Amino acid sequence: MRCIHLGLLCVQDNIDSRPTMASVVLMLSSYSISLPVPSRPAFSMHSTMETETKSQSSSLSNQVSVNEASISELDPR
C-alpha cells in the first residue's frame, strides 16, 4: 500500500506537488515518515478492454502497419 501511495504522489497534476527522487528514496526506506495525501492523478486510463480487444481483433486482418512492418496474427495450435 505504501508503494501505491507513493506512486500516486509521483503522478500529481501539479509538478510542485510531486516528491523529488531523494524524498522518494527516503519515504521508501523509512516508515517513520508520514506520506502526504495524494490529490487526483494528472490522468487515469479507463479501459473497456474486452470491447476494445474484440473490435481490434476483428479489424486487425484488414489493418496496415504504421511503419510498413508486417503484422502477424498468432493462432494457438
PDB file of N, CA and C in Angstrom:
ATOM      1  N   MET A   1       0.829  -1.188   0.000  1.00  0.00           N
ATOM      2  CA  MET A   1       0.000   0.000   0.000  1.00  0.00           C
ATOM      3  C   MET A   1       0.874   1.254   0.000  1.00  0.00           C
ATOM      4  N   ARG A   2       1.994   1.188   0.693  1.00  0.00           N
ATOM      5  CA  ARG A   2       2.879   2.357   0.754  1.00  0.00           C
ATOM      6  C   ARG A   2       3.458   2.670  -0.628  1.00  0.00           C
ATOM      7  N   CYS A   3       3.815   1.643  -1.389  1.00  0.00           N
ATOM      8  CA  CYS A   3       4.355   1.861  -2.739  1.00  0.00           C
ATOM      9  C   CYS A   3       3.298   2.455  -3.662  1.00  0.00           C
ATOM     10  N   ILE A   4       2.068   1.978  -3.557  1.00  0.00           N
ATOM     11  CA  ILE A   4       0.982   2.529  -4.370  1.00  0.00           C
ATOM     12  C   ILE A   4       0.733   3.979  -3.992  1.00  0.00           C
ATOM     13  N   HIS A   5       0.712   4.259  -2.697  1.00  0.00           N
ATOM     14  CA  HIS A   5       0.524   5.619  -2.208  1.00  0.00           C
ATOM     15  C   HIS A   5       1.626   6.528  -2.755  1.00  0.00           C
ATOM     16  N   LEU A   6       2.857   6.066  -2.707  1.00  0.00           N
ATOM     17  CA  LEU A   6       3.978   6.845  -3.202  1.00  0.00           C
ATOM     18  C   LEU A   6       3.898   7.020  -4.721  1.00  0.00           C
ATOM     19  N   GLY A   7       3.447   5.987  -5.419  1.00  0.00           N
ATOM     20  CA  GLY A   7       3.258   6.093  -6.864  1.00  0.00           C
ATOM     21  C   GLY A   7       2.224   7.148  -7.221  1.00  0.00           C
ATOM     22  N   LEU A   8       1.146   7.224  -6.432  1.00  0.00           N
ATOM     23  CA  LEU A   8       0.131   8.257  -6.670  1.00  0.00           C
ATOM     24  C   LEU A   8       0.688   9.652  -6.428  1.00  0.00           C
ATOM     25  N   LEU A   9       1.587   9.774  -5.472  1.00  0.00           N
ATOM     26  CA  LEU A   9       2.218  11.077  -5.231  1.00  0.00           C
ATOM     27  C   LEU A   9       3.094  11.491  -6.416  1.00  0.00           C
ATOM     28  N   CYS A  10       3.685  10.519  -7.095  1.00  0.00           N
ATOM     29  CA  CYS A  10       4.599  10.811  -8.206  1.00  0.00           C
ATOM     30  C   CYS A  10       3.877  11.209  -9.491  1.00  0.00           C
ATOM     31  N   VAL A  11       2.570  11.021  -9.574  1.00  0.00           N
ATOM     32  CA  VAL A  11       1.820  11.379 -10.785  1.00  0.00           C
ATOM     33  C   VAL A  11       0.831  12.515 -10.523  1.00  0.00           C
ATOM     34  N   GLN A  12       1.157  13.368  -9.566  1.00  0.00           N
ATOM     35  CA  GLN A  12       0.297  14.507  -9.264  1.00  0.00           C
ATOM     36  C   GLN A  12       0.233  15.445 -10.462  1.00  0.00           C
ATOM     37  N   ASP A  13      -0.905  16.102 -10.632  1.00  0.00           N
ATOM     38  CA  ASP A  13      -1.096  17.035 -11.737  1.00  0.00           C
ATOM     39  C   ASP A  13      -0.139  18.219 -11.627  1.00  0.00           C
ATOM     40  N   ASN A  14       0.019  18.747 -10.432  1.00  0.00           N
ATOM     41  CA  ASN A  14       0.915  19.868 -10.199  1.00  0.00           C
ATOM     42  C   ASN A  14       2.327  19.331  -9.965  1.00  0.00           C
ATOM     43  N   ILE A  15       3.264  19.750 -10.781  1.00  0.00           N
ATOM     44  CA  ILE A  15       4.633  19.236 -10.691  1.00  0.00           C
ATOM     45  C   ILE A  15       5.254  19.555  -9.335  1.00  0.00           C
ATOM     46  N   ASP A  16       4.914  20.699  -8.774  1.00  0.00           N
ATOM     47  CA  ASP A  16       5.470  21.077  -7.477  1.00  0.00           C
ATOM     48  C   ASP A  16       4.984  20.170  -6.351  1.00  0.00           C
ATOM     49  N   SER A  17       3.874  19.469  -6.559  1.00  0.00           N
ATOM     50  CA  SER A  17       3.339  18.561  -5.541  1.00  0.00           C
ATOM     51  C   SER A  17       4.008  17.192  -5.579  1.00  0.00           C
ATOM     52  N   ARG A  18       4.738  16.899  -6.653  1.00  0.00           N
ATOM     53  CA  ARG A  18       5.405  15.604  -6.784  1.00  0.00           C
ATOM     54  C   ARG A  18       6.664  15.568  -5.929  1.00  0.00           C
ATOM     55  N   PRO A  19       6.955  14.420  -5.307  1.00  0.00           N
ATOM     56  CA  PRO A  19       8.172  14.326  -4.492  1.00  0.00           C
ATOM     57  C   PRO A  19       9.422  14.230  -5.374  1.00  0.00           C
ATOM     58  N   THR A  20      10.536  14.680  -4.853  1.00  0.00           N
ATOM     59  CA  THR A  20      11.812  14.532  -5.559  1.00  0.00           C
ATOM     60  C   THR A  20      12.283  13.089  -5.418  1.00  0.00           C
ATOM     61  N   MET A  21      13.234  12.694  -6.224  1.00  0.00           N
ATOM     62  CA  MET A  21      13.746  11.325  -6.161  1.00  0.00           C
ATOM     63  C   MET A  21      14.388  11.048  -4.810  1.00  0.00           C
ATOM     64  N   ALA A  22      15.063  12.040  -4.269  1.00  0.00           N
ATOM     65  CA  ALA A  22      15.687  11.859  -2.952  1.00  0.00           C
ATOM     66  C   ALA A  22      14.626  11.613  -1.880  1.00  0.00           C
ATOM     67  N   SER A  23      13.510  12.346  -1.948  1.00  0.00           N
ATOM     68  CA  SER A  23      12.465  12.136  -0.943  1.00  0.00           C
ATOM     69  C   SER A  23      11.730  10.815  -1.171  1.00  0.00           C
ATOM     70  N   VAL A  24      11.649  10.359  -2.424  1.00  0.00           N
ATOM     71  CA  VAL A  24      11.045   9.049  -2.709  1.00  0.00           C
ATOM     72  C   VAL A  24      11.868   7.951  -2.051  1.00  0.00           C
ATOM     73  N   VAL A  25      13.187   8.021  -2.206  1.00  0.00           N
ATOM     74  CA  VAL A  25      14.078   7.023  -1.594  1.00  0.00           C
ATOM     75  C   VAL A  25      13.933   7.065  -0.080  1.00  0.00           C
ATOM     76  N   LEU A  26      13.870   8.265   0.485  1.00  0.00           N
ATOM     77  CA  LEU A  26      13.719   8.407   1.924  1.00  0.00           C
ATOM     78  C   LEU A  26      12.379   7.836   2.399  1.00  0.00           C
ATOM     79  N   MET A  27      11.307   8.115   1.654  1.00  0.00           N
ATOM     80  CA  MET A  27       9.980   7.614   2.024  1.00  0.00           C
ATOM     81  C   MET A  27       9.902   6.097   1.932  1.00  0.00           C
ATOM     82  N   LEU A  28      10.610   5.513   0.965  1.00  0.00           N
ATOM     83  CA  LEU A  28      10.606   4.053   0.824  1.00  0.00           C
ATOM     84  C   LEU A  28      11.445   3.370   1.903  1.00  0.00           C
ATOM     85  N   SER A  29      12.499   4.031   2.340  1.00  0.00           N
ATOM     86  CA  SER A  29      13.385   3.386   3.305  1.00  0.00           C
ATOM     87  C   SER A  29      12.997   3.641   4.761  1.00  0.00           C
ATOM     88  N   SER A  30      12.157   4.627   5.007  1.00  0.00           N
ATOM     89  CA  SER A  30      11.790   4.949   6.384  1.00  0.00           C
ATOM     90  C   SER A  30      10.273   4.943   6.546  1.00  0.00           C
ATOM     91  N   TYR A  31       9.796   4.119   7.467  1.00  0.00           N
ATOM     92  CA  TYR A  31       8.358   4.067   7.717  1.00  0.00           C
ATOM     93  C   TYR A  31       7.920   5.091   8.753  1.00  0.00           C
ATOM     94  N   SER A  32       8.876   5.841   9.330  1.00  0.00           N
ATOM     95  CA  SER A  32       8.517   6.849  10.325  1.00  0.00           C
ATOM     96  C   SER A  32       8.040   8.147   9.674  1.00  0.00           C
ATOM     97  N   ILE A  33       8.303   8.297   8.367  1.00  0.00           N
ATOM     98  CA  ILE A  33       7.861   9.494   7.651  1.00  0.00           C
ATOM     99  C   ILE A  33       6.432   9.270   7.177  1.00  0.00           C
ATOM    100  N   SER A  34       5.561  10.217   7.522  1.00  0.00           N
ATOM    101  CA  SER A  34       4.178  10.089   7.056  1.00  0.00           C
ATOM    102  C   SER A  34       4.068  10.676   5.646  1.00  0.00           C
ATOM    103  N   LEU A  35       3.330   9.988   4.811  1.00  0.00           N
ATOM    104  CA  LEU A  35       3.172  10.422   3.426  1.00  0.00           C
ATOM    105  C   LEU A  35       2.006  11.399   3.313  1.00  0.00           C
ATOM    106  N   PRO A  36       2.169  12.446   2.504  1.00  0.00           N
ATOM    107  CA  PRO A  36       1.053  13.371   2.297  1.00  0.00           C
ATOM    108  C   PRO A  36      -0.071  12.693   1.528  1.00  0.00           C
ATOM    109  N   VAL A  37      -1.264  13.224   1.650  1.00  0.00           N
ATOM    110  CA  VAL A  37      -2.413  12.661   0.949  1.00  0.00           C
ATOM    111  C   VAL A  37      -2.346  13.079  -0.514  1.00  0.00           C
ATOM    112  N   PRO A  38      -2.393  12.120  -1.441  1.00  0.00           N
ATOM    113  CA  PRO A  38      -2.324  12.494  -2.857  1.00  0.00           C
ATOM    114  C   PRO A  38      -3.643  13.096  -3.325  1.00  0.00           C
ATOM    115  N   SER A  39      -3.524  14.036  -4.238  1.00  0.00           N
ATOM    116  CA  SER A  39      -4.729  14.559  -4.868  1.00  0.00           C
ATOM    117  C   SER A  39      -5.016  13.708  -6.096  1.00  0.00           C
ATOM    118  N   ARG A  40      -5.960  14.110  -6.888  1.00  0.00           N
ATOM    119  CA  ARG A  40      -6.325  13.336  -8.069  1.00  0.00           C
ATOM    120  C   ARG A  40      -5.143  13.269  -9.040  1.00  0.00           C
ATOM    121  N   PRO A  41      -4.866  12.097  -9.636  1.00  0.00           N
ATOM    122  CA  PRO A  41      -3.751  11.992 -10.586  1.00  0.00           C
ATOM    123  C   PRO A  41      -3.984  12.860 -11.819  1.00  0.00           C
ATOM    124  N   ALA A  42      -2.903  13.172 -12.527  1.00  0.00           N
ATOM    125  CA  ALA A  42      -2.989  14.009 -13.719  1.00  0.00           C
ATOM    126  C   ALA A  42      -3.834  13.350 -14.800  1.00  0.00           C
ATOM    127  N   PHE A  43      -3.803  12.037 -14.872  1.00  0.00           N
ATOM    128  CA  PHE A  43      -4.621  11.315 -15.844  1.00  0.00           C
ATOM    129  C   PHE A  43      -4.914   9.941 -15.292  1.00  0.00           C
ATOM    130  N   SER A  44      -5.942   9.328 -15.821  1.00  0.00           N
ATOM    131  CA  SER A  44      -6.233   7.939 -15.484  1.00  0.00           C
ATOM    132  C   SER A  44      -6.709   7.247 -16.740  1.00  0.00           C
ATOM    133  N   MET A  45      -6.448   5.985 -16.811  1.00  0.00           N
ATOM    134  CA  MET A  45      -6.817   5.236 -18.008  1.00  0.00           C
ATOM    135  C   MET A  45      -8.007   4.353 -17.684  1.00  0.00           C
ATOM    136  N   HIS A  46      -9.162   4.767 -18.173  1.00  0.00           N
ATOM    137  CA  HIS A  46     -10.350   3.927 -18.051  1.00  0.00           C
ATOM    138  C   HIS A  46     -10.369   3.042 -19.269  1.00  0.00           C
ATOM    139  N   SER A  47     -10.575   1.791 -19.032  1.00  0.00           N
ATOM    140  CA  SER A  47     -10.490   0.896 -20.164  1.00  0.00           C
ATOM    141  C   SER A  47     -11.683  -0.026 -20.231  1.00  0.00           C
ATOM    142  N   THR A  48     -12.070  -0.259 -21.423  1.00  0.00           N
ATOM    143  CA  THR A  48     -13.063  -1.290 -21.701  1.00  0.00           C
ATOM    144  C   THR A  48     -12.330  -2.305 -22.553  1.00  0.00           C
ATOM    145  N   MET A  49     -11.427  -3.007 -21.917  1.00  0.00           N
ATOM    146  CA  MET A  49     -10.504  -3.890 -22.614  1.00  0.00           C
ATOM    147  C   MET A  49     -11.206  -4.933 -23.477  1.00  0.00           C
ATOM    148  N   GLU A  50     -12.264  -5.533 -22.964  1.00  0.00           N
ATOM    149  CA  GLU A  50     -12.927  -6.568 -23.748  1.00  0.00           C
ATOM    150  C   GLU A  50     -13.500  -6.002 -25.036  1.00  0.00           C
ATOM    151  N   THR A  51     -14.158  -4.868 -24.942  1.00  0.00           N
ATOM    152  CA  THR A  51     -14.769  -4.263 -26.119  1.00  0.00           C
ATOM    153  C   THR A  51     -13.703  -3.834 -27.110  1.00  0.00           C
ATOM    154  N   GLU A  52     -12.626  -3.207 -26.618  1.00  0.00           N
ATOM    155  CA  GLU A  52     -11.558  -2.756 -27.497  1.00  0.00           C
ATOM    156  C   GLU A  52     -10.836  -3.931 -28.134  1.00  0.00           C
ATOM    157  N   THR A  53     -10.589  -4.977 -27.352  1.00  0.00           N
ATOM    158  CA  THR A  53      -9.867  -6.134 -27.866  1.00  0.00           C
ATOM    159  C   THR A  53     -10.668  -6.824 -28.960  1.00  0.00           C
ATOM    160  N   LYS A  54     -11.964  -6.972 -28.750  1.00  0.00           N
ATOM    161  CA  LYS A  54     -12.805  -7.625 -29.751  1.00  0.00           C
ATOM    162  C   LYS A  54     -12.860  -6.814 -31.029  1.00  0.00           C
ATOM    163  N   SER A  55     -13.020  -5.501 -30.922  1.00  0.00           N
ATOM    164  CA  SER A  55     -13.110  -4.671 -32.120  1.00  0.00           C
ATOM    165  C   SER A  55     -11.769  -4.598 -32.830  1.00  0.00           C
ATOM    166  N   GLN A  56     -10.664  -4.593 -32.083  1.00  0.00           N
ATOM    167  CA  GLN A  56      -9.347  -4.540 -32.695  1.00  0.00           C
ATOM    168  C   GLN A  56      -9.005  -5.856 -33.374  1.00  0.00           C
ATOM    169  N   SER A  57      -9.351  -6.970 -32.755  1.00  0.00           N
ATOM    170  CA  SER A  57      -9.001  -8.261 -33.346  1.00  0.00           C
ATOM    171  C   SER A  57      -9.798  -8.523 -34.619  1.00  0.00           C
ATOM    172  N   SER A  58     -11.026  -8.017 -34.684  1.00  0.00           N
ATOM    173  CA  SER A  58     -11.813  -8.223 -35.896  1.00  0.00           C
ATOM    174  C   SER A  58     -11.317  -7.351 -37.035  1.00  0.00           C
ATOM    175  N   SER A  59     -10.747  -6.189 -36.728  1.00  0.00           N
ATOM    176  CA  SER A  59     -10.269  -5.303 -37.777  1.00  0.00           C
ATOM    177  C   SER A  59      -8.776  -5.464 -38.039  1.00  0.00           C
ATOM    178  N   LEU A  60      -8.099  -6.331 -37.278  1.00  0.00           N
ATOM    179  CA  LEU A  60      -6.664  -6.485 -37.406  1.00  0.00           C
ATOM    180  C   LEU A  60      -6.270  -7.065 -38.756  1.00  0.00           C
ATOM    181  N   SER A  61      -7.054  -7.959 -39.307  1.00  0.00           N
ATOM    182  CA  SER A  61      -6.696  -8.576 -40.574  1.00  0.00           C
ATOM    183  C   SER A  61      -6.755  -7.576 -41.721  1.00  0.00           C
ATOM    184  N   ASN A  62      -7.550  -6.521 -41.596  1.00  0.00           N
ATOM    185  CA  ASN A  62      -7.659  -5.507 -42.631  1.00  0.00           C
ATOM    186  C   ASN A  62      -6.745  -4.316 -42.368  1.00  0.00           C
ATOM    187  N   GLN A  63      -5.995  -4.367 -41.287  1.00  0.00           N
ATOM    188  CA  GLN A  63      -5.191  -3.245 -40.857  1.00  0.00           C
ATOM    189  C   GLN A  63      -3.828  -3.248 -41.532  1.00  0.00           C
ATOM    190  N   VAL A  64      -3.300  -2.066 -41.834  1.00  0.00           N
ATOM    191  CA  VAL A  64      -1.976  -1.923 -42.412  1.00  0.00           C
ATOM    192  C   VAL A  64      -1.073  -1.335 -41.340  1.00  0.00           C
ATOM    193  N   SER A  65       0.139  -1.808 -41.276  1.00  0.00           N
ATOM    194  CA  SER A  65       1.080  -1.345 -40.266  1.00  0.00           C
ATOM    195  C   SER A  65       1.440   0.117 -40.495  1.00  0.00           C
ATOM    196  N   VAL A  66       1.669   0.842 -39.409  1.00  0.00           N
ATOM    197  CA  VAL A  66       2.027   2.253 -39.492  1.00  0.00           C
ATOM    198  C   VAL A  66       3.412   2.430 -40.086  1.00  0.00           C
ATOM    199  N   ASN A  67       4.353   1.588 -39.672  1.00  0.00           N
ATOM    200  CA  ASN A  67       5.728   1.721 -40.158  1.00  0.00           C
ATOM    201  C   ASN A  67       6.048   0.714 -41.262  1.00  0.00           C
ATOM    202  N   GLU A  68       5.045   0.190 -41.903  1.00  0.00           N
ATOM    203  CA  GLU A  68       5.144  -0.751 -43.013  1.00  0.00           C
ATOM    204  C   GLU A  68       5.816  -2.073 -42.647  1.00  0.00           C
ATOM    205  N   ALA A  69       5.853  -2.400 -41.375  1.00  0.00           N
ATOM    206  CA  ALA A  69       6.327  -3.707 -40.947  1.00  0.00           C
ATOM    207  C   ALA A  69       5.128  -4.669 -41.006  1.00  0.00           C
ATOM    208  N   SER A  70       5.408  -5.940 -41.085  1.00  0.00           N
ATOM    209  CA  SER A  70       4.307  -6.892 -41.182  1.00  0.00           C
ATOM    210  C   SER A  70       3.585  -7.049 -39.851  1.00  0.00           C
ATOM    211  N   ILE A  71       2.328  -7.378 -39.927  1.00  0.00           N
ATOM    212  CA  ILE A  71       1.528  -7.647 -38.738  1.00  0.00           C
ATOM    213  C   ILE A  71       1.247  -9.147 -38.725  1.00  0.00           C
ATOM    214  N   SER A  72       1.680  -9.803 -37.668  1.00  0.00           N
ATOM    215  CA  SER A  72       1.490 -11.255 -37.565  1.00  0.00           C
ATOM    216  C   SER A  72       0.316 -11.545 -36.638  1.00  0.00           C
ATOM    217  N   GLU A  73      -0.533 -12.452 -37.096  1.00  0.00           N
ATOM    218  CA  GLU A  73      -1.617 -12.922 -36.249  1.00  0.00           C
ATOM    219  C   GLU A  73      -1.206 -14.277 -35.703  1.00  0.00           C
ATOM    220  N   LEU A  74      -1.248 -14.419 -34.393  1.00  0.00           N
ATOM    221  CA  LEU A  74      -0.855 -15.672 -33.754  1.00  0.00           C
ATOM    222  C   LEU A  74      -2.096 -16.492 -33.428  1.00  0.00           C
ATOM    223  N   ASP A  75      -2.086 -17.740 -33.829  1.00  0.00           N
ATOM    224  CA  ASP A  75      -3.171 -18.659 -33.526  1.00  0.00           C
ATOM    225  C   ASP A  75      -2.610 -19.819 -32.725  1.00  0.00           C
ATOM    226  N   PRO A  76      -3.329 -20.255 -31.693  1.00  0.00           N
ATOM    227  CA  PRO A  76      -2.837 -21.400 -30.921  1.00  0.00           C
ATOM    228  C   PRO A  76      -2.889 -22.672 -31.747  1.00  0.00           C
ATOM    229  N   ARG A  77      -2.052 -23.618 -31.410  1.00  0.00           N
ATOM    230  CA  ARG A  77      -2.027 -24.899 -32.141  1.00  0.00           C
ATOM    231  C   ARG A  77      -3.132 -25.792 -31.708  1.00  0.00           C
TER     232      ARG A  77
END
